[in-house]
Amino acid sequence: MPGYNLSNVQLDLLKSPDKENHGWYLSLMAPNEKGPSYAWLDPSRLYCHQQALQDCIEDLLQPFKTDQIDLVAGIDAMGFILGAAIATRLERGFLAIRKAGHLCVKTYSQSYVDYSGKEKIMEVRTDAIKPGVRVLLVDQWIETGGTMRAAIKLVEEQGGVVAGVATICIEDSDGGRWVRENYKCSDCVPEDLRSQFNGHFLKSFNEFYNP
């Protein structure tokens, strides 16, 4: 992949965001330049921009404005960023759903296969989710849906209720469709950009390669 100079990319957008354009901040995300063993883009660049992060959170919460949410759970690791920010915005507690081996307390565990095809185990502490607690699950991205399905199982097997799923993008994969069909979902992708996300290349990447 060609390199790019972050200091020169889209400076006009960073200075003057078009807030009237839903999802304007998505063009701040950076393309992968390290090869196929990495995700195809880096969404975290938009978190560096205060207004972008704020608008992203507001867009994700829009479908849940009148819903009861008792607890926000973020999925290890990038889901911690959006999840904690959303929990703060809602004035709710935050629960970290972790990859195996990081929690030093009793846990429930669930195996899964992530977007890269690797088998992993997810864990959550046993004392946070009580029967009937309504949990908003947050992750940065849903590609194949395996990670989110594992998190859903961890919540429901403890008697919790998945109030919804919020993530920057839910791709049109079998797993992504399953999540959308079975749970109330929110993502930030306008329909006119959906095909670019499913194709794993955004037109906005051209600005990075030709600043």
C-alpha atoms as a PDB file:
ATOM      1  CA  MET A   1       0.000   0.000   0.000  1.00  0.00           C
ATOM      2  CA  PRO A   2       1.278   3.529  -0.741  1.00  0.00           C
ATOM      3  CA  GLY A   3       2.275   5.651   2.193  1.00  0.00           C
ATOM      4  CA  TYR A   4       0.644   8.904   3.166  1.00  0.00           C
ATOM      5  CA  ASN A   5       1.428  11.932   5.269  1.00  0.00           C
ATOM      6  CA  LEU A   6      -1.148  12.285   8.030  1.00  0.00           C
ATOM      7  CA  SER A   7      -0.124  15.858   8.749  1.00  0.00           C
ATOM      8  CA  ASN A   8      -1.262  16.939   5.279  1.00  0.00           C
ATOM      9  CA  VAL A   9      -4.394  14.850   4.865  1.00  0.00           C
ATOM     10  CA  GLN A  10      -7.794  16.586   4.737  1.00  0.00           C
ATOM     11  CA  LEU A  11      -6.724  19.578   6.800  1.00  0.00           C
ATOM     12  CA  ASP A  12      -9.636  21.589   5.442  1.00  0.00           C
ATOM     13  CA  LEU A  13     -12.080  18.972   6.735  1.00  0.00           C
ATOM     14  CA  LEU A  14     -10.400  18.857  10.125  1.00  0.00           C
ATOM     15  CA  LYS A  15     -10.751  22.622  10.437  1.00  0.00           C
ATOM     16  CA  SER A  16     -14.287  22.951   9.076  1.00  0.00           C
ATOM     17  CA  PRO A  17     -16.349  19.766   9.444  1.00  0.00           C
ATOM     18  CA  ASP A  18     -19.560  19.598   7.430  1.00  0.00           C
ATOM     19  CA  LYS A  19     -21.825  18.700  10.327  1.00  0.00           C
ATOM     20  CA  GLU A  20     -24.909  18.791   8.111  1.00  0.00           C
ATOM     21  CA  ASN A  21     -23.575  15.726   6.290  1.00  0.00           C
ATOM     22  CA  HIS A  22     -24.431  12.611   8.317  1.00  0.00           C
ATOM     23  CA  GLY A  23     -21.326  10.548   8.931  1.00  0.00           C
ATOM     24  CA  TRP A  24     -19.011  13.341   7.755  1.00  0.00           C
ATOM     25  CA  TYR A  25     -16.358  12.079  10.173  1.00  0.00           C
ATOM     26  CA  LEU A  26     -16.034   8.705   8.418  1.00  0.00           C
ATOM     27  CA  SER A  27     -13.687  10.266   5.855  1.00  0.00           C
ATOM     28  CA  LEU A  28     -11.200  10.885   8.667  1.00  0.00           C
ATOM     29  CA  MET A  29     -10.577   7.144   8.990  1.00  0.00           C
ATOM     30  CA  ALA A  30      -7.196   6.063   7.654  1.00  0.00           C
ATOM     31  CA  PRO A  31      -6.524   3.217   5.185  1.00  0.00           C
ATOM     32  CA  ASN A  32      -4.409   0.200   6.050  1.00  0.00           C
ATOM     33  CA  GLU A  33      -0.810   0.642   4.903  1.00  0.00           C
ATOM     34  CA  LYS A  34       0.693  -2.404   6.641  1.00  0.00           C
ATOM     35  CA  GLY A  35      -0.719  -5.285   4.647  1.00  0.00           C
ATOM     36  CA  PRO A  36      -3.362  -8.057   4.824  1.00  0.00           C
ATOM     37  CA  SER A  37      -2.604  -9.185   8.380  1.00  0.00           C
ATOM     38  CA  TYR A  38      -4.181  -5.927   9.604  1.00  0.00           C
ATOM     39  CA  ALA A  39      -7.721  -4.587   9.391  1.00  0.00           C
ATOM     40  CA  TRP A  40      -8.472  -2.821   6.108  1.00  0.00           C
ATOM     41  CA  LEU A  41      -8.721   0.590   7.748  1.00  0.00           C
ATOM     42  CA  ASP A  42      -8.037   2.412  11.009  1.00  0.00           C
ATOM     43  CA  PRO A  43     -11.225   3.988  12.421  1.00  0.00           C
ATOM     44  CA  SER A  44      -9.415   5.348  15.473  1.00  0.00           C
ATOM     45  CA  ARG A  45      -8.142   8.401  13.620  1.00  0.00           C
ATOM     46  CA  LEU A  46     -11.574  10.009  13.895  1.00  0.00           C
ATOM     47  CA  TYR A  47     -11.354   9.736  17.697  1.00  0.00           C
ATOM     48  CA  CYS A  48      -8.495  12.248  17.595  1.00  0.00           C
ATOM     49  CA  HIS A  49     -10.931  14.916  16.413  1.00  0.00           C
ATOM     50  CA  GLN A  50     -13.148  16.187  19.221  1.00  0.00           C
ATOM     51  CA  GLN A  51     -16.172  17.061  17.084  1.00  0.00           C
ATOM     52  CA  ALA A  52     -15.899  13.845  15.092  1.00  0.00           C
ATOM     53  CA  LEU A  53     -15.951  11.694  18.223  1.00  0.00           C
ATOM     54  CA  GLN A  54     -18.838  13.674  19.683  1.00  0.00           C
ATOM     55  CA  ASP A  55     -20.930  13.457  16.513  1.00  0.00           C
ATOM     56  CA  CYS A  56     -20.154   9.758  16.122  1.00  0.00           C
ATOM     57  CA  ILE A  57     -21.460   9.073  19.621  1.00  0.00           C
ATOM     58  CA  GLU A  58     -24.607  11.135  19.060  1.00  0.00           C
ATOM     59  CA  ASP A  59     -25.339   9.316  15.794  1.00  0.00           C
ATOM     60  CA  LEU A  60     -24.871   5.914  17.421  1.00  0.00           C
ATOM     61  CA  LEU A  61     -27.242   6.802  20.241  1.00  0.00           C
ATOM     62  CA  GLN A  62     -29.983   8.271  18.045  1.00  0.00           C
ATOM     63  CA  PRO A  63     -32.028   5.028  17.706  1.00  0.00           C
ATOM     64  CA  PHE A  64     -31.875   4.424  21.471  1.00  0.00           C
ATOM     65  CA  LYS A  65     -32.933   7.880  22.686  1.00  0.00           C
ATOM     66  CA  THR A  66     -36.164   6.619  24.269  1.00  0.00           C
ATOM     67  CA  ASP A  67     -34.929   3.129  25.208  1.00  0.00           C
ATOM     68  CA  GLN A  68     -34.052   1.876  28.656  1.00  0.00           C
ATOM     69  CA  ILE A  69     -30.337   1.144  28.914  1.00  0.00           C
ATOM     70  CA  ASP A  70     -28.980   0.073  32.295  1.00  0.00           C
ATOM     71  CA  LEU A  71     -25.382  -0.753  31.392  1.00  0.00           C
ATOM     72  CA  VAL A  72     -23.012  -0.216  28.481  1.00  0.00           C
ATOM     73  CA  ALA A  73     -20.597  -3.020  27.593  1.00  0.00           C
ATOM     74  CA  GLY A  74     -17.574  -2.467  25.354  1.00  0.00           C
ATOM     75  CA  ILE A  75     -15.745  -5.294  23.600  1.00  0.00           C
ATOM     76  CA  ASP A  76     -11.979  -5.705  23.889  1.00  0.00           C
ATOM     77  CA  ALA A  77     -10.208  -3.721  22.795  1.00  0.00           C
ATOM     78  CA  MET A  78     -11.327  -0.878  20.519  1.00  0.00           C
ATOM     79  CA  GLY A  79     -14.893  -1.149  21.755  1.00  0.00           C
ATOM     80  CA  PHE A  80     -13.629   0.216  25.055  1.00  0.00           C
ATOM     81  CA  ILE A  81     -13.156   3.665  23.517  1.00  0.00           C
ATOM     82  CA  LEU A  82     -16.656   4.123  22.118  1.00  0.00           C
ATOM     83  CA  GLY A  83     -18.264   2.114  24.898  1.00  0.00           C
ATOM     84  CA  ALA A  84     -16.794   4.195  27.704  1.00  0.00           C
ATOM     85  CA  ALA A  85     -17.617   7.424  25.866  1.00  0.00           C
ATOM     86  CA  ILE A  86     -21.213   6.288  25.326  1.00  0.00           C
ATOM     87  CA  ALA A  87     -21.559   5.192  28.954  1.00  0.00           C
ATOM     88  CA  THR A  88     -20.399   8.622  30.079  1.00  0.00           C
ATOM     89  CA  ARG A  89     -22.831  10.315  27.689  1.00  0.00           C
ATOM     90  CA  LEU A  90     -25.712   8.184  29.018  1.00  0.00           C
ATOM     91  CA  GLU A  91     -24.559   8.465  32.639  1.00  0.00           C
ATOM     92  CA  ARG A  92     -24.493   4.689  32.922  1.00  0.00           C
ATOM     93  CA  GLY A  93     -21.911   2.190  34.118  1.00  0.00           C
ATOM     94  CA  PHE A  94     -19.406   0.598  31.768  1.00  0.00           C
ATOM     95  CA  LEU A  95     -18.554  -3.115  31.585  1.00  0.00           C
ATOM     96  CA  ALA A  96     -15.422  -4.348  29.808  1.00  0.00           C
ATOM     97  CA  ILE A  97     -15.856  -7.623  27.911  1.00  0.00           C
ATOM     98  CA  ARG A  98     -12.303  -8.957  27.692  1.00  0.00           C
ATOM     99  CA  LYS A  99     -10.222 -11.395  25.763  1.00  0.00           C
ATOM    100  CA  ALA A 100      -9.241 -14.399  27.860  1.00  0.00           C
ATOM    101  CA  GLY A 101      -6.547 -14.070  30.480  1.00  0.00           C
ATOM    102  CA  HIS A 102      -6.912 -10.416  31.422  1.00  0.00           C
ATOM    103  CA  LEU A 103      -9.460 -10.497  34.253  1.00  0.00           C
ATOM    104  CA  CYS A 104      -8.193 -11.487  37.711  1.00  0.00           C
ATOM    105  CA  VAL A 105     -11.670 -12.317  39.048  1.00  0.00           C
ATOM    106  CA  LYS A 106     -14.153 -15.128  38.420  1.00  0.00           C
ATOM    107  CA  THR A 107     -15.455 -15.008  34.867  1.00  0.00           C
ATOM    108  CA  TYR A 108     -17.870 -16.515  32.396  1.00  0.00           C
ATOM    109  CA  SER A 109     -16.265 -17.390  29.075  1.00  0.00           C
ATOM    110  CA  GLN A 110     -17.354 -17.873  25.485  1.00  0.00           C
ATOM    111  CA  SER A 111     -15.323 -19.149  22.540  1.00  0.00           C
ATOM    112  CA  TYR A 112     -15.592 -17.500  19.132  1.00  0.00           C
ATOM    113  CA  VAL A 113     -13.855 -17.011  15.776  1.00  0.00           C
ATOM    114  CA  ASP A 114     -12.908 -13.419  15.002  1.00  0.00           C
ATOM    115  CA  TYR A 115     -12.791 -11.574  11.674  1.00  0.00           C
ATOM    116  CA  SER A 116      -9.317 -12.928  10.925  1.00  0.00           C
ATOM    117  CA  GLY A 117     -10.454 -16.529  11.358  1.00  0.00           C
ATOM    118  CA  LYS A 118      -8.614 -17.037  14.648  1.00  0.00           C
ATOM    119  CA  GLU A 119     -10.252 -18.981  17.470  1.00  0.00           C
ATOM    120  CA  LYS A 120     -10.359 -16.972  20.676  1.00  0.00           C
ATOM    121  CA  ILE A 121     -12.100 -16.830  24.048  1.00  0.00           C
ATOM    122  CA  MET A 122     -13.991 -13.879  25.482  1.00  0.00           C
ATOM    123  CA  GLU A 123     -14.631 -13.350  29.189  1.00  0.00           C
ATOM    124  CA  VAL A 124     -16.775 -11.196  31.431  1.00  0.00           C
ATOM    125  CA  ARG A 125     -16.840 -10.883  35.207  1.00  0.00           C
ATOM    126  CA  THR A 126     -19.634 -12.795  36.944  1.00  0.00           C
ATOM    127  CA  ASP A 127     -20.953 -10.029  39.183  1.00  0.00           C
ATOM    128  CA  ALA A 128     -21.948  -7.296  36.716  1.00  0.00           C
ATOM    129  CA  ILE A 129     -24.908  -8.612  34.714  1.00  0.00           C
ATOM    130  CA  LYS A 130     -28.023  -9.475  36.665  1.00  0.00           C
ATOM    131  CA  PRO A 131     -31.223 -10.987  35.218  1.00  0.00           C
ATOM    132  CA  GLY A 132     -33.241  -8.354  33.375  1.00  0.00           C
ATOM    133  CA  VAL A 133     -30.398  -5.808  33.109  1.00  0.00           C
ATOM    134  CA  ARG A 134     -30.592  -4.109  29.716  1.00  0.00           C
ATOM    135  CA  VAL A 135     -27.162  -3.912  28.112  1.00  0.00           C
ATOM    136  CA  LEU A 136     -26.065  -1.840  25.130  1.00  0.00           C
ATOM    137  CA  LEU A 137     -23.211  -3.699  23.418  1.00  0.00           C
ATOM    138  CA  VAL A 138     -20.596  -1.499  21.753  1.00  0.00           C
ATOM    139  CA  ASP A 139     -17.715  -2.388  19.477  1.00  0.00           C
ATOM    140  CA  GLN A 140     -15.728  -0.447  16.915  1.00  0.00           C
ATOM    141  CA  TRP A 141     -16.716  -2.614  13.922  1.00  0.00           C
ATOM    142  CA  ILE A 142     -18.665  -5.709  12.924  1.00  0.00           C
ATOM    143  CA  GLU A 143     -17.077  -7.560  10.008  1.00  0.00           C
ATOM    144  CA  THR A 144     -17.989 -11.257  10.312  1.00  0.00           C
ATOM    145  CA  GLY A 145     -20.065 -10.907  13.488  1.00  0.00           C
ATOM    146  CA  GLY A 146     -18.311 -13.655  15.456  1.00  0.00           C
ATOM    147  CA  THR A 147     -17.032 -11.379  18.186  1.00  0.00           C
ATOM    148  CA  MET A 148     -20.384  -9.665  18.692  1.00  0.00           C
ATOM    149  CA  ARG A 149     -22.267 -12.964  18.788  1.00  0.00           C
ATOM    150  CA  ALA A 150     -19.964 -14.168  21.563  1.00  0.00           C
ATOM    151  CA  ALA A 151     -20.626 -10.994  23.547  1.00  0.00           C
ATOM    152  CA  ILE A 152     -24.365 -11.418  23.038  1.00  0.00           C
ATOM    153  CA  LYS A 153     -24.170 -14.964  24.409  1.00  0.00           C
ATOM    154  CA  LEU A 154     -22.259 -13.801  27.480  1.00  0.00           C
ATOM    155  CA  VAL A 155     -24.968 -11.243  28.254  1.00  0.00           C
ATOM    156  CA  GLU A 156     -27.946 -13.501  27.605  1.00  0.00           C
ATOM    157  CA  GLU A 157     -26.578 -16.556  29.392  1.00  0.00           C
ATOM    158  CA  GLN A 158     -26.475 -14.476  32.585  1.00  0.00           C
ATOM    159  CA  GLY A 159     -30.088 -13.391  32.126  1.00  0.00           C
ATOM    160  CA  GLY A 160     -29.236  -9.986  30.748  1.00  0.00           C
ATOM    161  CA  VAL A 161     -31.138  -8.383  27.876  1.00  0.00           C
ATOM    162  CA  VAL A 162     -29.313  -7.028  24.852  1.00  0.00           C
ATOM    163  CA  ALA A 163     -30.943  -3.620  24.496  1.00  0.00           C
ATOM    164  CA  GLY A 164     -29.025  -2.965  21.308  1.00  0.00           C
ATOM    165  CA  VAL A 165     -25.788  -3.082  19.372  1.00  0.00           C
ATOM    166  CA  ALA A 166     -23.861   0.060  18.446  1.00  0.00           C
ATOM    167  CA  THR A 167     -20.797   0.116  16.197  1.00  0.00           C
ATOM    168  CA  ILE A 168     -19.306   2.419  13.570  1.00  0.00           C
ATOM    169  CA  CYS A 169     -20.051  -0.071  10.795  1.00  0.00           C
ATOM    170  CA  ILE A 170     -21.917  -3.338  10.449  1.00  0.00           C
ATOM    171  CA  GLU A 171     -20.724  -4.931   7.233  1.00  0.00           C
ATOM    172  CA  ASP A 172     -23.071  -6.872   4.965  1.00  0.00           C
ATOM    173  CA  SER A 173     -21.690 -10.291   5.886  1.00  0.00           C
ATOM    174  CA  ASP A 174     -23.658 -13.322   7.051  1.00  0.00           C
ATOM    175  CA  GLY A 175     -22.778 -12.465  10.642  1.00  0.00           C
ATOM    176  CA  GLY A 176     -23.512  -8.782  10.204  1.00  0.00           C
ATOM    177  CA  ARG A 177     -26.938  -9.545   8.747  1.00  0.00           C
ATOM    178  CA  TRP A 178     -27.664 -11.961  11.600  1.00  0.00           C
ATOM    179  CA  VAL A 179     -26.981  -9.249  14.176  1.00  0.00           C
ATOM    180  CA  ARG A 180     -29.174  -6.747  12.322  1.00  0.00           C
ATOM    181  CA  GLU A 181     -32.032  -9.242  11.941  1.00  0.00           C
ATOM    182  CA  ASN A 182     -32.080 -10.248  15.593  1.00  0.00           C
ATOM    183  CA  TYR A 183     -31.214  -7.090  17.536  1.00  0.00           C
ATOM    184  CA  LYS A 184     -31.814  -3.369  17.412  1.00  0.00           C
ATOM    185  CA  CYS A 185     -28.678  -1.927  15.834  1.00  0.00           C
ATOM    186  CA  SER A 186     -27.032   1.378  15.156  1.00  0.00           C
ATOM    187  CA  ASP A 187     -24.101   2.256  12.949  1.00  0.00           C
ATOM    188  CA  CYS A 188     -22.774   5.440  11.368  1.00  0.00           C
ATOM    189  CA  VAL A 189     -22.702   4.522   7.685  1.00  0.00           C
ATOM    190  CA  PRO A 190     -25.075   6.421   5.363  1.00  0.00           C
ATOM    191  CA  GLU A 191     -26.748   4.170   2.802  1.00  0.00           C
ATOM    192  CA  ASP A 192     -25.037   5.917  -0.114  1.00  0.00           C
ATOM    193  CA  LEU A 193     -21.671   4.832   1.320  1.00  0.00           C
ATOM    194  CA  ARG A 194     -22.683   1.306   2.311  1.00  0.00           C
ATOM    195  CA  SER A 195     -21.315  -0.337  -0.842  1.00  0.00           C
ATOM    196  CA  GLN A 196     -17.895   1.256  -0.289  1.00  0.00           C
ATOM    197  CA  PHE A 197     -17.700  -0.164   3.217  1.00  0.00           C
ATOM    198  CA  ASN A 198     -18.764  -3.608   2.037  1.00  0.00           C
ATOM    199  CA  GLY A 199     -16.130  -3.390  -0.705  1.00  0.00           C
ATOM    200  CA  HIS A 200     -13.408  -2.463   1.805  1.00  0.00           C
ATOM    201  CA  PHE A 201     -12.314   0.670  -0.002  1.00  0.00           C
ATOM    202  CA  LEU A 202     -13.514   4.216   0.608  1.00  0.00           C
ATOM    203  CA  LYS A 203     -13.230   6.946  -2.001  1.00  0.00           C
ATOM    204  CA  SER A 204     -11.966   9.198   0.790  1.00  0.00           C
ATOM    205  CA  PHE A 205      -8.789   7.071   0.877  1.00  0.00           C
ATOM    206  CA  ASN A 206      -7.708   8.810  -2.327  1.00  0.00           C
ATOM    207  CA  GLU A 207      -7.129  11.968  -0.306  1.00  0.00           C
ATOM    208  CA  PHE A 208      -4.584  10.094   1.801  1.00  0.00           C
ATOM    209  CA  TYR A 209      -2.672   8.789  -1.181  1.00  0.00           C
ATOM    210  CA  ASN A 210      -2.761  12.104  -3.069  1.00  0.00           C
ATOM    211  CA  PRO A 211      -2.722  14.864  -0.429  1.00  0.00           C
END
